[in-house]
N, C-alpha and C. Protein backbone atom coordinates (compact mmCIF):
# COMPACT_ATOMS: atom_id res chain seq x y z
N MET A 1 -11.83 0.94 17.15
CA MET A 1 -11.18 1.70 18.21
C MET A 1 -9.69 1.38 18.21
N SER A 2 -8.94 2.36 18.55
CA SER A 2 -7.49 2.18 18.61
C SER A 2 -7.12 1.46 19.92
N GLU A 3 -5.86 0.98 19.99
CA GLU A 3 -5.39 0.32 21.21
C GLU A 3 -5.39 1.30 22.38
N ASP A 4 -5.10 2.57 22.13
CA ASP A 4 -5.13 3.58 23.18
C ASP A 4 -6.55 3.76 23.71
N ASP A 5 -7.54 3.76 22.81
CA ASP A 5 -8.94 3.90 23.23
C ASP A 5 -9.36 2.71 24.10
N ILE A 6 -8.98 1.52 23.68
CA ILE A 6 -9.32 0.31 24.43
C ILE A 6 -8.64 0.33 25.80
N ALA A 7 -7.38 0.73 25.84
CA ALA A 7 -6.66 0.82 27.12
C ALA A 7 -7.33 1.83 28.05
N TYR A 8 -7.78 2.95 27.49
CA TYR A 8 -8.46 3.98 28.28
C TYR A 8 -9.76 3.42 28.88
N ILE A 9 -10.54 2.72 28.07
CA ILE A 9 -11.81 2.16 28.54
C ILE A 9 -11.56 1.09 29.61
N GLU A 10 -10.55 0.24 29.39
CA GLU A 10 -10.22 -0.79 30.39
C GLU A 10 -9.83 -0.15 31.72
N GLU A 11 -9.02 0.90 31.65
CA GLU A 11 -8.59 1.58 32.87
C GLU A 11 -9.80 2.22 33.56
N ASP A 12 -10.66 2.82 32.77
CA ASP A 12 -11.85 3.47 33.33
C ASP A 12 -12.77 2.46 34.02
N LEU A 13 -12.92 1.28 33.43
CA LEU A 13 -13.78 0.25 34.01
C LEU A 13 -13.19 -0.35 35.28
N ARG A 14 -11.87 -0.32 35.43
CA ARG A 14 -11.22 -0.83 36.64
C ARG A 14 -11.28 0.17 37.79
N SER A 15 -11.69 1.36 37.51
CA SER A 15 -11.74 2.41 38.52
C SER A 15 -12.75 2.06 39.61
N PRO A 16 -12.40 2.29 40.89
CA PRO A 16 -13.37 2.07 41.97
C PRO A 16 -14.62 2.92 41.78
N CYS A 17 -14.47 4.05 41.16
CA CYS A 17 -15.61 4.95 40.93
C CYS A 17 -16.68 4.27 40.07
N THR A 18 -16.27 3.44 39.13
CA THR A 18 -17.21 2.74 38.26
C THR A 18 -18.11 1.83 39.10
N GLN A 19 -17.52 1.12 40.04
CA GLN A 19 -18.30 0.24 40.90
C GLN A 19 -19.24 1.06 41.80
N GLU A 20 -18.76 2.16 42.34
CA GLU A 20 -19.60 3.00 43.19
C GLU A 20 -20.80 3.53 42.42
N ILE A 21 -20.57 3.95 41.18
CA ILE A 21 -21.67 4.45 40.36
C ILE A 21 -22.68 3.35 40.09
N ALA A 22 -22.21 2.12 39.83
CA ALA A 22 -23.11 1.00 39.58
C ALA A 22 -23.96 0.71 40.82
N VAL A 23 -23.34 0.69 41.98
CA VAL A 23 -24.07 0.46 43.23
C VAL A 23 -25.06 1.59 43.47
N PHE A 24 -24.62 2.80 43.24
CA PHE A 24 -25.47 3.96 43.42
C PHE A 24 -26.70 3.89 42.53
N ARG A 25 -26.51 3.56 41.25
CA ARG A 25 -27.63 3.47 40.31
C ARG A 25 -28.59 2.35 40.72
N ALA A 26 -28.06 1.22 41.17
CA ALA A 26 -28.91 0.11 41.62
C ALA A 26 -29.74 0.55 42.84
N PHE A 27 -29.11 1.24 43.78
CA PHE A 27 -29.80 1.76 44.95
C PHE A 27 -30.91 2.73 44.53
N ALA A 28 -30.60 3.63 43.63
CA ALA A 28 -31.58 4.60 43.14
C ALA A 28 -32.76 3.90 42.47
N GLN A 29 -32.50 2.85 41.71
CA GLN A 29 -33.58 2.12 41.04
C GLN A 29 -34.48 1.40 42.03
N ILE A 30 -33.89 0.83 43.09
CA ILE A 30 -34.70 0.17 44.12
C ILE A 30 -35.63 1.18 44.78
N VAL A 31 -35.10 2.33 45.13
CA VAL A 31 -35.90 3.37 45.78
C VAL A 31 -36.98 3.87 44.82
N GLU A 32 -36.64 4.04 43.55
CA GLU A 32 -37.59 4.54 42.56
C GLU A 32 -38.75 3.55 42.35
N ARG A 33 -38.45 2.26 42.34
CA ARG A 33 -39.49 1.24 42.10
C ARG A 33 -40.42 1.07 43.29
N SER A 34 -40.09 1.63 44.41
CA SER A 34 -40.84 1.37 45.64
C SER A 34 -41.88 2.44 45.93
N LYS A 35 -42.58 2.88 44.93
CA LYS A 35 -43.55 3.97 45.12
C LYS A 35 -44.58 3.68 46.21
N ASP A 36 -45.09 2.45 46.29
CA ASP A 36 -46.11 2.10 47.28
C ASP A 36 -45.59 1.06 48.27
N GLU A 37 -44.29 1.04 48.49
CA GLU A 37 -43.69 0.06 49.37
C GLU A 37 -42.78 0.75 50.37
N ILE A 38 -42.39 0.00 51.37
CA ILE A 38 -41.41 0.49 52.33
C ILE A 38 -40.08 -0.19 52.01
N VAL A 39 -39.04 0.59 51.88
CA VAL A 39 -37.71 0.06 51.64
C VAL A 39 -36.92 0.23 52.93
N VAL A 40 -36.37 -0.87 53.43
CA VAL A 40 -35.55 -0.82 54.63
C VAL A 40 -34.11 -1.06 54.23
N ILE A 41 -33.26 -0.13 54.58
CA ILE A 41 -31.83 -0.29 54.33
C ILE A 41 -31.18 -0.45 55.69
N ASP A 42 -30.76 -1.67 55.97
CA ASP A 42 -30.17 -1.99 57.26
C ASP A 42 -28.67 -2.13 57.06
N THR A 43 -27.94 -1.19 57.59
CA THR A 43 -26.51 -1.17 57.35
C THR A 43 -25.78 -0.58 58.55
N ALA A 44 -24.53 -0.92 58.68
CA ALA A 44 -23.73 -0.38 59.78
C ALA A 44 -23.56 1.13 59.60
N PRO A 45 -23.34 1.86 60.71
CA PRO A 45 -23.23 3.31 60.61
C PRO A 45 -21.92 3.80 60.01
N THR A 46 -21.02 2.92 59.67
CA THR A 46 -19.76 3.35 59.09
C THR A 46 -19.53 2.62 57.77
N GLY A 47 -18.41 2.82 57.19
CA GLY A 47 -18.01 2.07 55.99
C GLY A 47 -18.90 2.29 54.80
N HIS A 48 -19.59 1.25 54.37
CA HIS A 48 -20.36 1.30 53.13
C HIS A 48 -21.51 2.30 53.18
N THR A 49 -22.12 2.47 54.34
CA THR A 49 -23.21 3.43 54.45
C THR A 49 -22.71 4.84 54.13
N LEU A 50 -21.60 5.22 54.74
CA LEU A 50 -21.06 6.56 54.51
C LEU A 50 -20.54 6.69 53.09
N LEU A 51 -19.97 5.62 52.55
CA LEU A 51 -19.53 5.63 51.16
C LEU A 51 -20.72 5.85 50.24
N LEU A 52 -21.83 5.15 50.52
CA LEU A 52 -23.03 5.32 49.70
C LEU A 52 -23.55 6.75 49.82
N LEU A 53 -23.55 7.28 51.03
CA LEU A 53 -24.01 8.65 51.24
C LEU A 53 -23.10 9.64 50.50
N ASP A 54 -21.80 9.48 50.63
CA ASP A 54 -20.86 10.35 49.92
C ASP A 54 -21.05 10.24 48.41
N SER A 55 -21.25 9.00 47.93
CA SER A 55 -21.47 8.80 46.50
C SER A 55 -22.75 9.49 46.06
N THR A 56 -23.77 9.39 46.90
CA THR A 56 -25.05 10.03 46.58
C THR A 56 -24.87 11.54 46.42
N LEU A 57 -24.19 12.15 47.38
CA LEU A 57 -23.99 13.60 47.33
C LEU A 57 -23.13 14.01 46.13
N SER A 58 -22.03 13.30 45.93
CA SER A 58 -21.13 13.61 44.81
C SER A 58 -21.85 13.44 43.48
N TYR A 59 -22.56 12.34 43.36
CA TYR A 59 -23.25 12.05 42.11
C TYR A 59 -24.35 13.08 41.86
N HIS A 60 -25.05 13.47 42.93
CA HIS A 60 -26.11 14.48 42.79
C HIS A 60 -25.52 15.82 42.35
N ARG A 61 -24.38 16.20 42.91
CA ARG A 61 -23.72 17.44 42.50
C ARG A 61 -23.31 17.38 41.03
N GLU A 62 -22.80 16.22 40.62
CA GLU A 62 -22.40 16.03 39.23
C GLU A 62 -23.61 16.13 38.31
N ILE A 63 -24.74 15.58 38.73
CA ILE A 63 -25.97 15.67 37.95
C ILE A 63 -26.37 17.13 37.76
N GLU A 64 -26.33 17.90 38.86
CA GLU A 64 -26.69 19.31 38.79
C GLU A 64 -25.75 20.08 37.87
N ARG A 65 -24.48 19.69 37.85
CA ARG A 65 -23.47 20.40 37.06
C ARG A 65 -23.53 20.03 35.58
N SER A 66 -23.82 18.78 35.31
CA SER A 66 -23.75 18.31 33.93
C SER A 66 -25.11 18.32 33.26
N GLN A 67 -25.08 18.16 31.99
CA GLN A 67 -26.31 18.06 31.20
C GLN A 67 -26.38 16.66 30.58
N GLY A 68 -25.67 15.70 31.16
CA GLY A 68 -25.58 14.36 30.59
C GLY A 68 -26.87 13.58 30.73
N ASP A 69 -26.87 12.37 30.16
CA ASP A 69 -28.03 11.48 30.21
C ASP A 69 -28.05 10.80 31.57
N VAL A 70 -28.91 11.27 32.46
CA VAL A 70 -28.97 10.76 33.82
C VAL A 70 -30.33 10.10 34.03
N PRO A 71 -30.34 8.85 34.50
CA PRO A 71 -31.61 8.17 34.73
C PRO A 71 -32.48 8.94 35.72
N GLU A 72 -33.78 8.89 35.51
CA GLU A 72 -34.71 9.61 36.38
C GLU A 72 -34.59 9.13 37.83
N ALA A 73 -34.38 7.83 38.02
CA ALA A 73 -34.24 7.29 39.38
C ALA A 73 -33.08 7.96 40.12
N VAL A 74 -32.00 8.20 39.41
CA VAL A 74 -30.83 8.84 40.01
C VAL A 74 -31.14 10.31 40.31
N GLN A 75 -31.83 10.98 39.42
CA GLN A 75 -32.18 12.39 39.64
C GLN A 75 -33.09 12.55 40.85
N ASN A 76 -33.94 11.56 41.09
CA ASN A 76 -34.93 11.66 42.17
C ASN A 76 -34.44 11.19 43.53
N LEU A 77 -33.31 10.48 43.57
CA LEU A 77 -32.89 9.83 44.80
C LEU A 77 -32.65 10.79 45.96
N LEU A 78 -31.75 11.73 45.82
CA LEU A 78 -31.41 12.61 46.94
C LEU A 78 -32.62 13.44 47.39
N PRO A 79 -33.39 14.02 46.46
CA PRO A 79 -34.58 14.74 46.92
C PRO A 79 -35.54 13.83 47.71
N LYS A 80 -35.65 12.57 47.31
CA LYS A 80 -36.52 11.63 48.01
C LYS A 80 -35.98 11.33 49.41
N LEU A 81 -34.66 11.16 49.51
CA LEU A 81 -34.05 10.89 50.81
C LEU A 81 -34.18 12.09 51.74
N ARG A 82 -34.21 13.28 51.18
CA ARG A 82 -34.32 14.51 51.98
C ARG A 82 -35.76 14.84 52.36
N ASP A 83 -36.72 14.22 51.71
CA ASP A 83 -38.14 14.51 51.93
C ASP A 83 -38.65 13.68 53.10
N SER A 84 -38.92 14.34 54.24
CA SER A 84 -39.34 13.61 55.44
C SER A 84 -40.72 12.96 55.29
N ASP A 85 -41.49 13.35 54.27
CA ASP A 85 -42.76 12.67 54.01
C ASP A 85 -42.54 11.33 53.31
N LYS A 86 -41.36 11.15 52.70
CA LYS A 86 -41.08 9.91 51.97
C LYS A 86 -40.00 9.05 52.61
N THR A 87 -39.18 9.65 53.45
CA THR A 87 -38.07 8.92 54.06
C THR A 87 -38.05 9.16 55.55
N GLU A 88 -37.95 8.08 56.30
CA GLU A 88 -37.78 8.18 57.74
C GLU A 88 -36.56 7.35 58.12
N VAL A 89 -35.66 7.98 58.83
CA VAL A 89 -34.43 7.31 59.26
C VAL A 89 -34.54 7.01 60.74
N LEU A 90 -34.32 5.76 61.09
CA LEU A 90 -34.26 5.33 62.48
C LEU A 90 -32.82 4.90 62.75
N ILE A 91 -32.23 5.48 63.75
CA ILE A 91 -30.86 5.15 64.13
C ILE A 91 -30.94 4.01 65.15
N VAL A 92 -30.29 2.90 64.85
CA VAL A 92 -30.29 1.75 65.75
C VAL A 92 -28.88 1.59 66.31
N THR A 93 -28.82 1.41 67.62
CA THR A 93 -27.53 1.30 68.29
C THR A 93 -27.62 0.34 69.47
N LEU A 94 -26.49 0.08 70.05
CA LEU A 94 -26.42 -0.62 71.32
C LEU A 94 -26.10 0.41 72.39
N ALA A 95 -26.41 0.10 73.64
CA ALA A 95 -26.14 1.04 74.74
C ALA A 95 -24.70 0.88 75.21
N GLU A 96 -23.78 1.20 74.30
CA GLU A 96 -22.35 1.11 74.57
C GLU A 96 -21.65 2.30 73.93
N THR A 97 -20.45 2.57 74.40
CA THR A 97 -19.69 3.74 73.96
C THR A 97 -19.54 3.84 72.45
N THR A 98 -18.86 2.88 71.85
CA THR A 98 -18.54 2.95 70.43
C THR A 98 -19.78 2.97 69.55
N PRO A 99 -20.75 2.05 69.74
CA PRO A 99 -21.94 2.11 68.89
C PRO A 99 -22.70 3.43 68.97
N VAL A 100 -22.82 4.00 70.16
CA VAL A 100 -23.54 5.29 70.29
C VAL A 100 -22.77 6.40 69.57
N HIS A 101 -21.46 6.45 69.73
CA HIS A 101 -20.68 7.48 69.06
C HIS A 101 -20.72 7.31 67.53
N GLU A 102 -20.64 6.07 67.05
CA GLU A 102 -20.73 5.84 65.60
C GLU A 102 -22.10 6.26 65.07
N ALA A 103 -23.14 5.95 65.82
CA ALA A 103 -24.49 6.32 65.41
C ALA A 103 -24.66 7.84 65.39
N MET A 104 -24.06 8.52 66.36
CA MET A 104 -24.14 9.99 66.37
C MET A 104 -23.39 10.58 65.18
N ARG A 105 -22.26 9.97 64.84
CA ARG A 105 -21.50 10.45 63.68
C ARG A 105 -22.31 10.23 62.39
N LEU A 106 -22.98 9.08 62.30
CA LEU A 106 -23.84 8.83 61.14
C LEU A 106 -24.94 9.87 61.06
N GLU A 107 -25.56 10.17 62.19
CA GLU A 107 -26.63 11.16 62.21
C GLU A 107 -26.12 12.53 61.74
N SER A 108 -24.92 12.92 62.17
CA SER A 108 -24.32 14.19 61.72
C SER A 108 -24.08 14.19 60.23
N ASP A 109 -23.57 13.06 59.70
CA ASP A 109 -23.34 12.96 58.26
C ASP A 109 -24.66 13.06 57.50
N LEU A 110 -25.69 12.42 58.02
CA LEU A 110 -27.00 12.50 57.37
C LEU A 110 -27.53 13.93 57.39
N GLU A 111 -27.39 14.61 58.53
CA GLU A 111 -27.83 16.01 58.64
C GLU A 111 -27.10 16.90 57.64
N ARG A 112 -25.77 16.69 57.50
CA ARG A 112 -25.00 17.47 56.52
C ARG A 112 -25.52 17.26 55.10
N ALA A 113 -26.05 16.05 54.86
CA ALA A 113 -26.59 15.73 53.53
C ALA A 113 -28.04 16.18 53.39
N GLY A 114 -28.59 16.77 54.44
CA GLY A 114 -29.97 17.24 54.37
C GLY A 114 -30.98 16.13 54.63
N ILE A 115 -30.54 15.04 55.24
CA ILE A 115 -31.41 13.90 55.55
C ILE A 115 -31.60 13.87 57.06
N SER A 116 -32.84 14.00 57.48
CA SER A 116 -33.07 14.10 58.93
C SER A 116 -33.46 12.75 59.52
N SER A 117 -33.15 12.62 60.79
CA SER A 117 -33.58 11.45 61.55
C SER A 117 -34.18 11.95 62.85
N LYS A 118 -35.14 11.21 63.35
CA LYS A 118 -35.80 11.63 64.58
C LYS A 118 -35.74 10.55 65.64
N TRP A 119 -35.88 9.31 65.24
CA TRP A 119 -36.02 8.22 66.19
C TRP A 119 -34.75 7.41 66.35
N TRP A 120 -34.51 7.00 67.57
CA TRP A 120 -33.39 6.13 67.91
C TRP A 120 -33.95 4.86 68.53
N ILE A 121 -33.27 3.75 68.27
CA ILE A 121 -33.62 2.47 68.88
C ILE A 121 -32.36 1.92 69.54
N ILE A 122 -32.49 1.59 70.82
CA ILE A 122 -31.40 0.92 71.53
C ILE A 122 -31.77 -0.55 71.53
N ASN A 123 -30.95 -1.34 70.88
CA ASN A 123 -31.25 -2.76 70.67
C ASN A 123 -30.49 -3.63 71.67
N SER A 124 -31.04 -4.79 71.96
CA SER A 124 -30.39 -5.82 72.77
C SER A 124 -29.94 -5.31 74.13
N SER A 125 -30.81 -4.61 74.82
CA SER A 125 -30.46 -4.03 76.12
C SER A 125 -30.61 -5.04 77.25
N LEU A 126 -29.53 -5.27 77.98
CA LEU A 126 -29.61 -6.09 79.18
C LEU A 126 -30.34 -5.34 80.29
N TYR A 127 -30.19 -4.03 80.33
CA TYR A 127 -30.86 -3.21 81.34
C TYR A 127 -32.37 -3.41 81.27
N ALA A 128 -32.90 -3.47 80.06
CA ALA A 128 -34.35 -3.62 79.88
C ALA A 128 -34.86 -4.99 80.33
N THR A 129 -33.98 -5.98 80.50
CA THR A 129 -34.41 -7.31 80.95
C THR A 129 -34.69 -7.34 82.44
N GLN A 130 -34.18 -6.35 83.17
CA GLN A 130 -34.30 -6.30 84.63
C GLN A 130 -33.75 -7.60 85.25
N THR A 131 -32.66 -8.05 84.70
CA THR A 131 -32.03 -9.28 85.19
C THR A 131 -31.63 -9.17 86.65
N THR A 132 -31.67 -10.30 87.33
CA THR A 132 -31.21 -10.34 88.72
C THR A 132 -29.87 -11.07 88.82
N ASN A 133 -29.39 -11.59 87.70
CA ASN A 133 -28.08 -12.24 87.69
C ASN A 133 -27.02 -11.18 87.97
N LYS A 134 -26.14 -11.47 88.92
CA LYS A 134 -25.15 -10.49 89.38
C LYS A 134 -24.23 -10.00 88.24
N THR A 135 -23.73 -10.90 87.45
CA THR A 135 -22.81 -10.53 86.36
C THR A 135 -23.54 -9.72 85.28
N LEU A 136 -24.71 -10.22 84.89
CA LEU A 136 -25.47 -9.51 83.86
C LEU A 136 -25.99 -8.16 84.36
N ARG A 137 -26.32 -8.09 85.65
CA ARG A 137 -26.77 -6.83 86.24
C ARG A 137 -25.66 -5.78 86.20
N ALA A 138 -24.41 -6.22 86.44
CA ALA A 138 -23.28 -5.29 86.36
C ALA A 138 -23.12 -4.75 84.94
N LYS A 139 -23.23 -5.64 83.96
CA LYS A 139 -23.14 -5.20 82.56
C LYS A 139 -24.32 -4.28 82.22
N ALA A 140 -25.50 -4.62 82.70
CA ALA A 140 -26.69 -3.81 82.44
C ALA A 140 -26.55 -2.41 83.03
N SER A 141 -25.93 -2.31 84.19
CA SER A 141 -25.76 -0.99 84.81
C SER A 141 -24.86 -0.07 83.98
N ASN A 142 -23.95 -0.67 83.21
CA ASN A 142 -23.09 0.13 82.32
C ASN A 142 -23.88 0.76 81.17
N GLU A 143 -25.05 0.20 80.87
CA GLU A 143 -25.87 0.73 79.77
C GLU A 143 -26.59 2.02 80.15
N ILE A 144 -26.79 2.25 81.42
CA ILE A 144 -27.60 3.39 81.88
C ILE A 144 -27.07 4.71 81.32
N GLU A 145 -25.76 4.91 81.40
CA GLU A 145 -25.16 6.15 80.90
C GLU A 145 -25.51 6.36 79.42
N TRP A 146 -25.45 5.29 78.63
CA TRP A 146 -25.67 5.41 77.18
C TRP A 146 -27.14 5.52 76.83
N ILE A 147 -27.99 4.88 77.63
CA ILE A 147 -29.43 5.05 77.43
C ILE A 147 -29.80 6.50 77.73
N ASN A 148 -29.26 7.06 78.81
CA ASN A 148 -29.53 8.46 79.15
C ASN A 148 -28.99 9.40 78.07
N LYS A 149 -27.82 9.09 77.53
CA LYS A 149 -27.24 9.93 76.48
C LYS A 149 -28.12 9.93 75.24
N VAL A 150 -28.61 8.76 74.84
CA VAL A 150 -29.50 8.67 73.68
C VAL A 150 -30.81 9.39 73.98
N ASP A 151 -31.34 9.24 75.18
CA ASP A 151 -32.56 9.93 75.59
C ASP A 151 -32.40 11.44 75.42
N GLU A 152 -31.31 11.97 75.95
CA GLU A 152 -31.05 13.41 75.87
C GLU A 152 -30.83 13.85 74.41
N HIS A 153 -30.01 13.10 73.70
CA HIS A 153 -29.67 13.45 72.32
C HIS A 153 -30.89 13.42 71.40
N SER A 154 -31.78 12.45 71.62
CA SER A 154 -32.94 12.28 70.74
C SER A 154 -34.18 13.02 71.24
N ASN A 155 -34.01 13.80 72.30
CA ASN A 155 -35.14 14.51 72.91
C ASN A 155 -36.27 13.56 73.28
N GLY A 156 -35.89 12.40 73.77
CA GLY A 156 -36.88 11.43 74.22
C GLY A 156 -37.49 10.58 73.11
N ASN A 157 -37.04 10.76 71.89
CA ASN A 157 -37.57 9.99 70.75
C ASN A 157 -36.74 8.72 70.56
N PHE A 158 -36.90 7.78 71.50
CA PHE A 158 -36.14 6.54 71.41
C PHE A 158 -36.94 5.42 72.05
N ALA A 159 -36.56 4.21 71.70
CA ALA A 159 -37.15 3.01 72.30
C ALA A 159 -36.01 2.09 72.70
N VAL A 160 -36.24 1.31 73.73
CA VAL A 160 -35.24 0.34 74.19
C VAL A 160 -35.84 -1.05 74.00
N ILE A 161 -35.13 -1.88 73.28
CA ILE A 161 -35.57 -3.26 73.06
C ILE A 161 -34.69 -4.18 73.89
N GLU A 162 -35.33 -5.00 74.70
CA GLU A 162 -34.56 -5.84 75.61
C GLU A 162 -33.85 -6.98 74.87
N TRP A 163 -32.74 -7.37 75.45
CA TRP A 163 -31.98 -8.51 74.95
C TRP A 163 -32.80 -9.77 75.20
N LYS A 164 -32.78 -10.68 74.24
CA LYS A 164 -33.48 -11.96 74.36
C LYS A 164 -32.46 -13.08 74.33
N ALA A 165 -32.61 -14.04 75.20
CA ALA A 165 -31.66 -15.14 75.28
C ALA A 165 -31.57 -15.92 73.98
N ASP A 166 -32.64 -15.99 73.22
CA ASP A 166 -32.61 -16.75 71.97
C ASP A 166 -31.82 -16.05 70.87
N GLU A 167 -31.31 -14.84 71.14
CA GLU A 167 -30.48 -14.14 70.17
C GLU A 167 -29.14 -14.85 70.00
N ILE A 168 -28.71 -15.57 71.02
CA ILE A 168 -27.46 -16.33 70.92
C ILE A 168 -27.86 -17.78 70.70
N LYS A 169 -27.68 -18.25 69.51
CA LYS A 169 -28.11 -19.60 69.13
C LYS A 169 -27.25 -20.66 69.81
N GLY A 170 -27.90 -21.74 70.21
CA GLY A 170 -27.17 -22.88 70.73
C GLY A 170 -26.80 -22.78 72.20
N GLU A 171 -27.05 -21.66 72.86
CA GLU A 171 -26.71 -21.52 74.27
C GLU A 171 -27.98 -21.35 75.08
N LYS A 172 -28.01 -21.96 76.23
CA LYS A 172 -29.19 -21.87 77.09
C LYS A 172 -28.90 -20.85 78.18
N LEU A 173 -29.26 -19.61 77.90
CA LEU A 173 -28.94 -18.54 78.85
C LEU A 173 -30.16 -18.06 79.63
N LEU A 174 -31.34 -18.54 79.26
CA LEU A 174 -32.55 -18.07 79.96
C LEU A 174 -32.44 -18.29 81.45
N ASP A 175 -31.91 -19.42 81.88
CA ASP A 175 -31.81 -19.71 83.30
C ASP A 175 -30.90 -18.71 84.01
N GLN A 176 -29.93 -18.17 83.30
CA GLN A 176 -28.97 -17.26 83.92
C GLN A 176 -29.52 -15.85 84.06
N ILE A 177 -30.54 -15.52 83.28
CA ILE A 177 -31.08 -14.15 83.32
C ILE A 177 -31.81 -13.90 84.63
N GLU A 178 -32.48 -14.90 85.13
CA GLU A 178 -33.28 -14.70 86.36
C GLU A 178 -32.52 -15.00 87.61
């Protein structure tokens, strides 16, 4: 190979796209190998999740356009994610402004990609603890608006999981909840 060819390959390998494709292929292989298993992808509703989703869509379009050598796992990924018999998306959030809005944005992005979600989970809810502590009760009352918003948005397809004192390691908060 000439020096120009080597320089071209080095530049191509340094491209962020190369890393995205590698991550995408690894993700596709994990999903492909899980024929009789459940795969849980626990990720924040922004950043890498949306990057992975965008990469999935872009890569899938490129597959449809090209006739290149594409691994079967990659060819099957987006159809599998779109198939509600094979993929179920649960949106997990906190009963707060920013997390609920980020989760709604994620759900819209998923819908645009043809991936549906039905269930929402509100995690670590102080409201669900029915605390009698004055300070915690005030914070819990702020959750009501967001619990109602998720209820309405999800057509009642949601669950609320109460906050547990042992979620904060090293602090003894159980006494303060009651």
